[in-house]
């Protein structure tokens, strides 16, 4: 059961590292991918980070901390979805 709780955190950390590595390699010219791909990974990172934050808030006991974590988690999820949708719209158009 505890492994299920950590999945979002592990995915968020993994996509964070991938995003940082891709952004640095892109900025120094080592890879010639589009910056849109980096933004897609950033959106996925935000999405999983927000889900991890919400999951963590549900496990805490204090109401003040729980409410703050849920708000931050929801904001991160919304931001991730907006970035992913922007990538899809830009790709289609």
N, C-alpha and C. Protein backbone atom coordinates (compact mmCIF):
# COMPACT_ATOMS: atom_id res chain seq x y z
N UNK A 1 0.81 -1.20 0.00
CA UNK A 1 0.00 0.00 0.00
C UNK A 1 0.86 1.26 0.00
N UNK A 2 1.99 1.23 0.71
CA UNK A 2 2.84 2.40 0.75
C UNK A 2 3.50 2.67 -0.59
N UNK A 3 3.71 1.64 -1.39
CA UNK A 3 4.31 1.84 -2.70
C UNK A 3 3.40 2.67 -3.59
N UNK A 4 2.09 2.48 -3.47
CA UNK A 4 1.14 3.25 -4.27
C UNK A 4 1.20 4.73 -3.93
N UNK A 5 1.50 5.04 -2.69
CA UNK A 5 1.57 6.43 -2.25
C UNK A 5 2.79 7.14 -2.82
N UNK A 6 3.84 6.41 -3.09
CA UNK A 6 5.08 7.01 -3.55
C UNK A 6 5.20 7.10 -5.06
N UNK A 7 4.27 6.52 -5.78
CA UNK A 7 4.37 6.47 -7.24
C UNK A 7 4.41 7.87 -7.84
N UNK A 8 3.51 8.75 -7.41
CA UNK A 8 3.47 10.11 -7.97
C UNK A 8 4.75 10.87 -7.65
N UNK A 9 5.28 10.69 -6.46
CA UNK A 9 6.52 11.37 -6.10
C UNK A 9 7.69 10.89 -6.95
N UNK A 10 7.77 9.60 -7.14
CA UNK A 10 8.86 9.04 -7.95
C UNK A 10 8.74 9.51 -9.40
N UNK A 11 7.52 9.51 -9.93
CA UNK A 11 7.32 9.98 -11.30
C UNK A 11 7.65 11.47 -11.43
N UNK A 12 7.26 12.26 -10.45
CA UNK A 12 7.55 13.70 -10.49
C UNK A 12 9.06 13.95 -10.46
N UNK A 13 9.77 13.23 -9.61
CA UNK A 13 11.22 13.39 -9.53
C UNK A 13 11.89 12.93 -10.82
N UNK A 14 11.44 11.81 -11.37
CA UNK A 14 12.01 11.30 -12.61
C UNK A 14 11.82 12.28 -13.76
N UNK A 15 10.60 12.77 -13.94
CA UNK A 15 10.36 13.72 -15.01
C UNK A 15 11.06 15.06 -14.76
N UNK A 16 11.27 15.42 -13.50
CA UNK A 16 12.02 16.64 -13.19
C UNK A 16 13.45 16.52 -13.68
N UNK A 17 14.09 15.39 -13.38
CA UNK A 17 15.46 15.18 -13.85
C UNK A 17 15.53 15.17 -15.37
N UNK A 18 14.60 14.51 -16.00
CA UNK A 18 14.59 14.46 -17.47
C UNK A 18 14.43 15.87 -18.04
N UNK A 19 13.53 16.66 -17.45
CA UNK A 19 13.29 18.02 -17.92
C UNK A 19 14.53 18.88 -17.76
N UNK A 20 15.16 18.80 -16.60
CA UNK A 20 16.36 19.61 -16.35
C UNK A 20 17.49 19.22 -17.30
N UNK A 21 17.70 17.92 -17.47
CA UNK A 21 18.77 17.46 -18.36
C UNK A 21 18.49 17.90 -19.79
N UNK A 22 17.26 17.74 -20.25
CA UNK A 22 16.92 18.14 -21.62
C UNK A 22 17.07 19.65 -21.81
N UNK A 23 16.64 20.43 -20.83
CA UNK A 23 16.74 21.89 -20.94
C UNK A 23 18.20 22.34 -20.99
N UNK A 24 19.04 21.77 -20.15
CA UNK A 24 20.46 22.15 -20.14
C UNK A 24 21.13 21.74 -21.45
N UNK A 25 20.86 20.53 -21.90
CA UNK A 25 21.45 20.07 -23.17
C UNK A 25 20.95 20.93 -24.34
N UNK A 26 19.68 21.34 -24.30
CA UNK A 26 19.15 22.19 -25.37
C UNK A 26 19.80 23.57 -25.34
N UNK A 27 19.95 24.14 -24.14
CA UNK A 27 20.51 25.48 -24.04
C UNK A 27 21.98 25.54 -24.46
N UNK A 28 22.72 24.48 -24.22
CA UNK A 28 24.13 24.46 -24.62
C UNK A 28 24.33 23.90 -26.02
N UNK A 29 23.25 23.54 -26.70
CA UNK A 29 23.33 23.13 -28.10
C UNK A 29 23.77 21.70 -28.33
N UNK A 30 23.73 20.87 -27.31
CA UNK A 30 24.14 19.48 -27.49
C UNK A 30 23.06 18.64 -28.17
N UNK A 31 21.80 19.03 -28.02
CA UNK A 31 20.71 18.34 -28.70
C UNK A 31 19.91 19.38 -29.46
N UNK A 32 19.29 18.96 -30.53
CA UNK A 32 18.55 19.91 -31.37
C UNK A 32 17.06 19.60 -31.39
N UNK A 33 16.52 19.28 -30.21
CA UNK A 33 15.08 19.06 -30.12
C UNK A 33 14.37 20.40 -29.99
N UNK A 34 13.10 20.38 -30.16
CA UNK A 34 12.31 21.58 -29.98
C UNK A 34 12.13 21.86 -28.49
N UNK A 35 12.08 23.12 -28.14
CA UNK A 35 11.85 23.49 -26.74
C UNK A 35 10.45 23.06 -26.30
N UNK A 36 9.57 22.82 -27.27
CA UNK A 36 8.22 22.35 -26.95
C UNK A 36 8.25 20.99 -26.26
N UNK A 37 9.18 20.14 -26.64
CA UNK A 37 9.30 18.83 -26.00
C UNK A 37 9.70 19.01 -24.53
N UNK A 38 10.58 19.95 -24.28
CA UNK A 38 10.98 20.23 -22.90
C UNK A 38 9.77 20.75 -22.11
N UNK A 39 8.97 21.58 -22.74
CA UNK A 39 7.77 22.10 -22.07
C UNK A 39 6.77 20.99 -21.80
N UNK A 40 6.66 20.02 -22.69
CA UNK A 40 5.78 18.88 -22.46
C UNK A 40 6.22 18.12 -21.22
N UNK A 41 7.51 17.86 -21.11
CA UNK A 41 8.02 17.17 -19.92
C UNK A 41 7.81 18.02 -18.67
N UNK A 42 7.91 19.34 -18.80
CA UNK A 42 7.64 20.21 -17.66
C UNK A 42 6.19 20.11 -17.23
N UNK A 43 5.28 20.06 -18.19
CA UNK A 43 3.86 19.90 -17.87
C UNK A 43 3.56 18.59 -17.17
N UNK A 44 4.18 17.52 -17.64
CA UNK A 44 3.99 16.21 -17.01
C UNK A 44 4.57 16.22 -15.59
N UNK A 45 5.70 16.89 -15.43
CA UNK A 45 6.31 17.02 -14.10
C UNK A 45 5.37 17.75 -13.15
N UNK A 46 4.80 18.85 -13.62
CA UNK A 46 3.87 19.61 -12.79
C UNK A 46 2.64 18.78 -12.44
N UNK A 47 2.15 18.02 -13.39
CA UNK A 47 0.98 17.19 -13.17
C UNK A 47 1.25 16.15 -12.07
N UNK A 48 2.34 15.41 -12.20
CA UNK A 48 2.65 14.39 -11.20
C UNK A 48 3.04 15.02 -9.87
N UNK A 49 3.70 16.16 -9.90
CA UNK A 49 4.04 16.86 -8.66
C UNK A 49 2.79 17.31 -7.91
N UNK A 50 1.81 17.79 -8.64
CA UNK A 50 0.55 18.21 -8.02
C UNK A 50 -0.21 17.03 -7.44
N UNK A 51 -0.24 15.93 -8.18
CA UNK A 51 -0.90 14.73 -7.66
C UNK A 51 -0.20 14.20 -6.41
N UNK A 52 1.12 14.29 -6.39
CA UNK A 52 1.88 13.89 -5.22
C UNK A 52 1.56 14.79 -4.03
N UNK A 53 1.44 16.07 -4.28
CA UNK A 53 1.12 17.04 -3.22
C UNK A 53 -0.27 16.79 -2.65
N UNK A 54 -1.23 16.52 -3.50
CA UNK A 54 -2.58 16.22 -3.04
C UNK A 54 -2.60 14.92 -2.25
N UNK A 55 -1.88 13.92 -2.72
CA UNK A 55 -1.80 12.64 -2.02
C UNK A 55 -1.17 12.83 -0.64
N UNK A 56 -0.14 13.65 -0.57
CA UNK A 56 0.51 13.92 0.71
C UNK A 56 -0.43 14.66 1.65
N UNK A 57 -1.22 15.56 1.12
CA UNK A 57 -2.15 16.32 1.96
C UNK A 57 -3.22 15.41 2.56
N UNK A 58 -3.61 14.39 1.84
CA UNK A 58 -4.62 13.47 2.36
C UNK A 58 -4.08 12.59 3.48
N UNK A 59 -2.76 12.44 3.53
CA UNK A 59 -2.16 11.59 4.55
C UNK A 59 -1.85 12.35 5.84
N UNK A 60 -1.84 13.69 5.79
CA UNK A 60 -1.48 14.49 6.97
C UNK A 60 -2.69 14.66 7.89
N UNK A 61 -2.38 14.98 9.13
CA UNK A 61 -3.43 15.14 10.13
C UNK A 61 -3.84 16.60 10.33
N UNK A 62 -2.90 17.53 10.25
CA UNK A 62 -3.18 18.93 10.54
C UNK A 62 -4.00 19.56 9.42
N UNK A 63 -5.07 20.24 9.79
CA UNK A 63 -5.97 20.81 8.78
C UNK A 63 -5.35 21.99 8.05
N UNK A 64 -4.55 22.80 8.73
CA UNK A 64 -3.92 23.94 8.07
C UNK A 64 -2.94 23.51 7.01
N UNK A 65 -2.12 22.54 7.34
CA UNK A 65 -1.13 22.04 6.39
C UNK A 65 -1.83 21.32 5.25
N UNK A 66 -2.85 20.54 5.58
CA UNK A 66 -3.57 19.78 4.56
C UNK A 66 -4.22 20.72 3.55
N UNK A 67 -4.86 21.78 4.04
CA UNK A 67 -5.53 22.72 3.14
C UNK A 67 -4.51 23.41 2.22
N UNK A 68 -3.39 23.83 2.78
CA UNK A 68 -2.35 24.48 1.97
C UNK A 68 -1.78 23.55 0.93
N UNK A 69 -1.52 22.31 1.31
CA UNK A 69 -0.98 21.34 0.35
C UNK A 69 -1.97 21.01 -0.74
N UNK A 70 -3.23 20.93 -0.40
CA UNK A 70 -4.24 20.65 -1.43
C UNK A 70 -4.34 21.79 -2.43
N UNK A 71 -4.26 23.03 -1.95
CA UNK A 71 -4.33 24.18 -2.84
C UNK A 71 -3.13 24.20 -3.77
N UNK A 72 -1.95 23.98 -3.22
CA UNK A 72 -0.74 23.94 -4.04
C UNK A 72 -0.80 22.78 -5.03
N UNK A 73 -1.28 21.64 -4.58
CA UNK A 73 -1.41 20.47 -5.45
C UNK A 73 -2.37 20.72 -6.60
N UNK A 74 -3.51 21.30 -6.28
CA UNK A 74 -4.49 21.59 -7.34
C UNK A 74 -3.93 22.59 -8.34
N UNK A 75 -3.24 23.61 -7.83
CA UNK A 75 -2.64 24.61 -8.72
C UNK A 75 -1.61 23.95 -9.65
N UNK A 76 -0.79 23.06 -9.10
CA UNK A 76 0.21 22.37 -9.91
C UNK A 76 -0.43 21.47 -10.96
N UNK A 77 -1.50 20.79 -10.59
CA UNK A 77 -2.19 19.93 -11.56
C UNK A 77 -2.78 20.78 -12.68
N UNK A 78 -3.42 21.88 -12.32
CA UNK A 78 -4.01 22.77 -13.33
C UNK A 78 -2.92 23.34 -14.24
N UNK A 79 -1.81 23.77 -13.65
CA UNK A 79 -0.71 24.30 -14.44
C UNK A 79 -0.14 23.26 -15.38
N UNK A 80 0.02 22.03 -14.90
CA UNK A 80 0.51 20.95 -15.74
C UNK A 80 -0.43 20.67 -16.91
N UNK A 81 -1.72 20.64 -16.63
CA UNK A 81 -2.70 20.39 -17.69
C UNK A 81 -2.68 21.52 -18.72
N UNK A 82 -2.56 22.76 -18.26
CA UNK A 82 -2.52 23.90 -19.18
C UNK A 82 -1.29 23.82 -20.08
N UNK A 83 -0.13 23.47 -19.51
CA UNK A 83 1.09 23.35 -20.31
C UNK A 83 0.96 22.23 -21.33
N UNK A 84 0.41 21.10 -20.93
CA UNK A 84 0.23 19.97 -21.85
C UNK A 84 -0.75 20.33 -22.96
N UNK A 85 -1.85 20.98 -22.63
CA UNK A 85 -2.83 21.40 -23.63
C UNK A 85 -2.22 22.42 -24.59
N UNK A 86 -1.41 23.35 -24.06
CA UNK A 86 -0.74 24.33 -24.93
C UNK A 86 0.20 23.64 -25.90
N UNK A 87 0.91 22.61 -25.43
CA UNK A 87 1.79 21.85 -26.32
C UNK A 87 0.99 21.16 -27.42
N UNK A 88 -0.14 20.55 -27.04
CA UNK A 88 -0.96 19.85 -28.03
C UNK A 88 -1.53 20.82 -29.05
N UNK A 89 -2.01 21.96 -28.59
CA UNK A 89 -2.57 22.96 -29.52
C UNK A 89 -1.48 23.48 -30.46
N UNK A 90 -0.30 23.76 -29.92
CA UNK A 90 0.78 24.26 -30.78
C UNK A 90 1.22 23.20 -31.78
N UNK A 91 1.21 21.94 -31.36
CA UNK A 91 1.60 20.87 -32.27
C UNK A 91 0.59 20.71 -33.40
N UNK A 92 -0.69 20.81 -33.08
CA UNK A 92 -1.75 20.66 -34.09
C UNK A 92 -1.73 21.84 -35.06
N UNK A 93 -1.56 23.05 -34.54
CA UNK A 93 -1.57 24.21 -35.40
C UNK A 93 -0.18 24.44 -35.91
